[in-house]
Amino acid sequence: MNAYDLGRRAGTMLAEAAAGCKVSAAYEAEFSAYVEAVAAKAMKKAADDLASEGASAFEIDIFQRSAQHSFRQGLAAVGGSAESSGATH
């Protein structure tokens, strides 16, 4: 599996996990910020793991961009707040 596909899969899985959580409207903004932080931490850990396995800086960059894009796309598709929070691609 190449870095792009791996990133896409990681981002999609994170978005699906977040979408499965139901939160009352009162806590939606706080939950969205938490989801963004957890996703960023998971993507950073995965990138570090790729680096320790010998991936090039280019491959790691492709992985990170792909994962972030897929995550934000997935959240937007289910009405998540990556877009509404002002987060950029």
C-alpha atoms as a PDB file:
ATOM      1  CA  MET A   1       0.000   0.000   0.000  1.00  0.00           C
ATOM      2  CA  ASN A   2       1.427   3.384  -0.930  1.00  0.00           C
ATOM      3  CA  ALA A   3       1.541   6.457   1.326  1.00  0.00           C
ATOM      4  CA  TYR A   4      -1.436   8.100  -0.390  1.00  0.00           C
ATOM      5  CA  ASP A   5      -3.711   5.078   0.052  1.00  0.00           C
ATOM      6  CA  LEU A   6      -2.531   4.563   3.610  1.00  0.00           C
ATOM      7  CA  GLY A   7      -3.289   8.198   4.419  1.00  0.00           C
ATOM      8  CA  ARG A   8      -6.705   7.996   2.791  1.00  0.00           C
ATOM      9  CA  ARG A   9      -7.562   4.900   4.784  1.00  0.00           C
ATOM     10  CA  ALA A  10      -6.348   6.442   8.061  1.00  0.00           C
ATOM     11  CA  GLY A  11      -8.268   9.676   7.530  1.00  0.00           C
ATOM     12  CA  THR A  12     -11.443   7.861   6.568  1.00  0.00           C
ATOM     13  CA  MET A  13     -11.263   5.554   9.584  1.00  0.00           C
ATOM     14  CA  LEU A  14     -10.816   8.513  11.945  1.00  0.00           C
ATOM     15  CA  ALA A  15     -13.777  10.337  10.398  1.00  0.00           C
ATOM     16  CA  GLU A  16     -15.979   7.238  10.615  1.00  0.00           C
ATOM     17  CA  ALA A  17     -15.087   6.783  14.273  1.00  0.00           C
ATOM     18  CA  ALA A  18     -15.940  10.409  15.038  1.00  0.00           C
ATOM     19  CA  ALA A  19     -19.170  10.200  13.061  1.00  0.00           C
ATOM     20  CA  GLY A  20     -20.283   7.259  15.179  1.00  0.00           C
ATOM     21  CA  CYS A  21     -20.311   9.409  18.302  1.00  0.00           C
ATOM     22  CA  LYS A  22     -23.501  11.223  19.201  1.00  0.00           C
ATOM     23  CA  VAL A  23     -23.084  14.435  21.158  1.00  0.00           C
ATOM     24  CA  SER A  24     -25.697  16.886  22.361  1.00  0.00           C
ATOM     25  CA  ALA A  25     -25.705  20.282  20.675  1.00  0.00           C
ATOM     26  CA  ALA A  26     -24.427  21.912  23.849  1.00  0.00           C
ATOM     27  CA  TYR A  27     -21.159  19.972  23.617  1.00  0.00           C
ATOM     28  CA  GLU A  28     -20.745  19.843  19.849  1.00  0.00           C
ATOM     29  CA  ALA A  29     -18.067  22.542  19.569  1.00  0.00           C
ATOM     30  CA  GLU A  30     -16.033  21.097  22.430  1.00  0.00           C
ATOM     31  CA  PHE A  31     -16.339  17.585  21.008  1.00  0.00           C
ATOM     32  CA  SER A  32     -15.323  18.796  17.543  1.00  0.00           C
ATOM     33  CA  ALA A  33     -12.167  20.390  18.947  1.00  0.00           C
ATOM     34  CA  TYR A  34     -11.393  17.170  20.810  1.00  0.00           C
ATOM     35  CA  VAL A  35     -11.906  15.063  17.664  1.00  0.00           C
ATOM     36  CA  GLU A  36      -9.592  17.367  15.697  1.00  0.00           C
ATOM     37  CA  ALA A  37      -6.903  17.083  18.402  1.00  0.00           C
ATOM     38  CA  VAL A  38      -7.151  13.302  18.638  1.00  0.00           C
ATOM     39  CA  ALA A  39      -7.032  12.943  14.846  1.00  0.00           C
ATOM     40  CA  ALA A  40      -3.971  15.200  14.615  1.00  0.00           C
ATOM     41  CA  LYS A  41      -2.229  13.190  17.336  1.00  0.00           C
ATOM     42  CA  ALA A  42      -3.075   9.884  15.625  1.00  0.00           C
ATOM     43  CA  MET A  43      -1.819  11.156  12.268  1.00  0.00           C
ATOM     44  CA  LYS A  44       1.401  12.421  13.879  1.00  0.00           C
ATOM     45  CA  LYS A  45       1.971   9.044  15.545  1.00  0.00           C
ATOM     46  CA  ALA A  46       1.382   7.236  12.245  1.00  0.00           C
ATOM     47  CA  ALA A  47       3.796   9.585  10.462  1.00  0.00           C
ATOM     48  CA  ASP A  48       6.417   8.958  13.159  1.00  0.00           C
ATOM     49  CA  ASP A  49       5.915   5.207  12.729  1.00  0.00           C
ATOM     50  CA  LEU A  50       6.369   5.541   8.968  1.00  0.00           C
ATOM     51  CA  ALA A  51       9.575   7.499   9.525  1.00  0.00           C
ATOM     52  CA  SER A  52      10.923   4.853  11.896  1.00  0.00           C
ATOM     53  CA  GLU A  53      10.200   2.245   9.217  1.00  0.00           C
ATOM     54  CA  GLY A  54      12.324   4.150   6.716  1.00  0.00           C
ATOM     55  CA  ALA A  55       9.721   6.152   4.778  1.00  0.00           C
ATOM     56  CA  SER A  56      11.068   9.194   2.981  1.00  0.00           C
ATOM     57  CA  ALA A  57      10.052  12.730   3.911  1.00  0.00           C
ATOM     58  CA  PHE A  58       8.098  12.875   0.645  1.00  0.00           C
ATOM     59  CA  GLU A  59       6.153   9.708   1.510  1.00  0.00           C
ATOM     60  CA  ILE A  60       5.380  11.021   4.982  1.00  0.00           C
ATOM     61  CA  ASP A  61       4.178  14.329   3.549  1.00  0.00           C
ATOM     62  CA  ILE A  62       1.911  12.504   1.075  1.00  0.00           C
ATOM     63  CA  PHE A  63       0.547  10.345   3.910  1.00  0.00           C
ATOM     64  CA  GLN A  64      -0.183  13.362   6.124  1.00  0.00           C
ATOM     65  CA  ARG A  65      -1.865  15.384   3.376  1.00  0.00           C
ATOM     66  CA  SER A  66      -3.946  12.427   2.259  1.00  0.00           C
ATOM     67  CA  ALA A  67      -4.999  11.557   5.813  1.00  0.00           C
ATOM     68  CA  GLN A  68      -5.955  15.147   6.643  1.00  0.00           C
ATOM     69  CA  HIS A  69      -7.931  15.565   3.437  1.00  0.00           C
ATOM     70  CA  SER A  70      -9.791  12.271   3.849  1.00  0.00           C
ATOM     71  CA  PHE A  71     -10.525  13.035   7.501  1.00  0.00           C
ATOM     72  CA  ARG A  72     -11.979  16.460   6.729  1.00  0.00           C
ATOM     73  CA  GLN A  73     -13.911  15.126   3.739  1.00  0.00           C
ATOM     74  CA  GLY A  74     -15.331  12.306   5.834  1.00  0.00           C
ATOM     75  CA  LEU A  75     -16.423  14.642   8.611  1.00  0.00           C
ATOM     76  CA  ALA A  76     -17.999  17.050   6.159  1.00  0.00           C
ATOM     77  CA  ALA A  77     -19.900  14.185   4.522  1.00  0.00           C
ATOM     78  CA  VAL A  78     -21.543  13.238   7.815  1.00  0.00           C
ATOM     79  CA  GLY A  79     -22.136  16.792   8.975  1.00  0.00           C
ATOM     80  CA  GLY A  80     -19.033  17.009  11.138  1.00  0.00           C
ATOM     81  CA  SER A  81     -17.455  20.286  11.984  1.00  0.00           C
ATOM     82  CA  ALA A  82     -14.020  20.261  10.375  1.00  0.00           C
ATOM     83  CA  GLU A  83     -15.396  22.646   7.775  1.00  0.00           C
ATOM     84  CA  SER A  84     -17.600  24.686  10.084  1.00  0.00           C
ATOM     85  CA  SER A  85     -14.849  25.115  12.668  1.00  0.00           C
ATOM     86  CA  GLY A  86     -12.788  27.054  10.151  1.00  0.00           C
ATOM     87  CA  ALA A  87     -10.229  24.289   9.740  1.00  0.00           C
ATOM     88  CA  THR A  88      -8.462  24.363   6.404  1.00  0.00           C
ATOM     89  CA  HIS A  89      -7.468  21.535   4.096  1.00  0.00           C
END
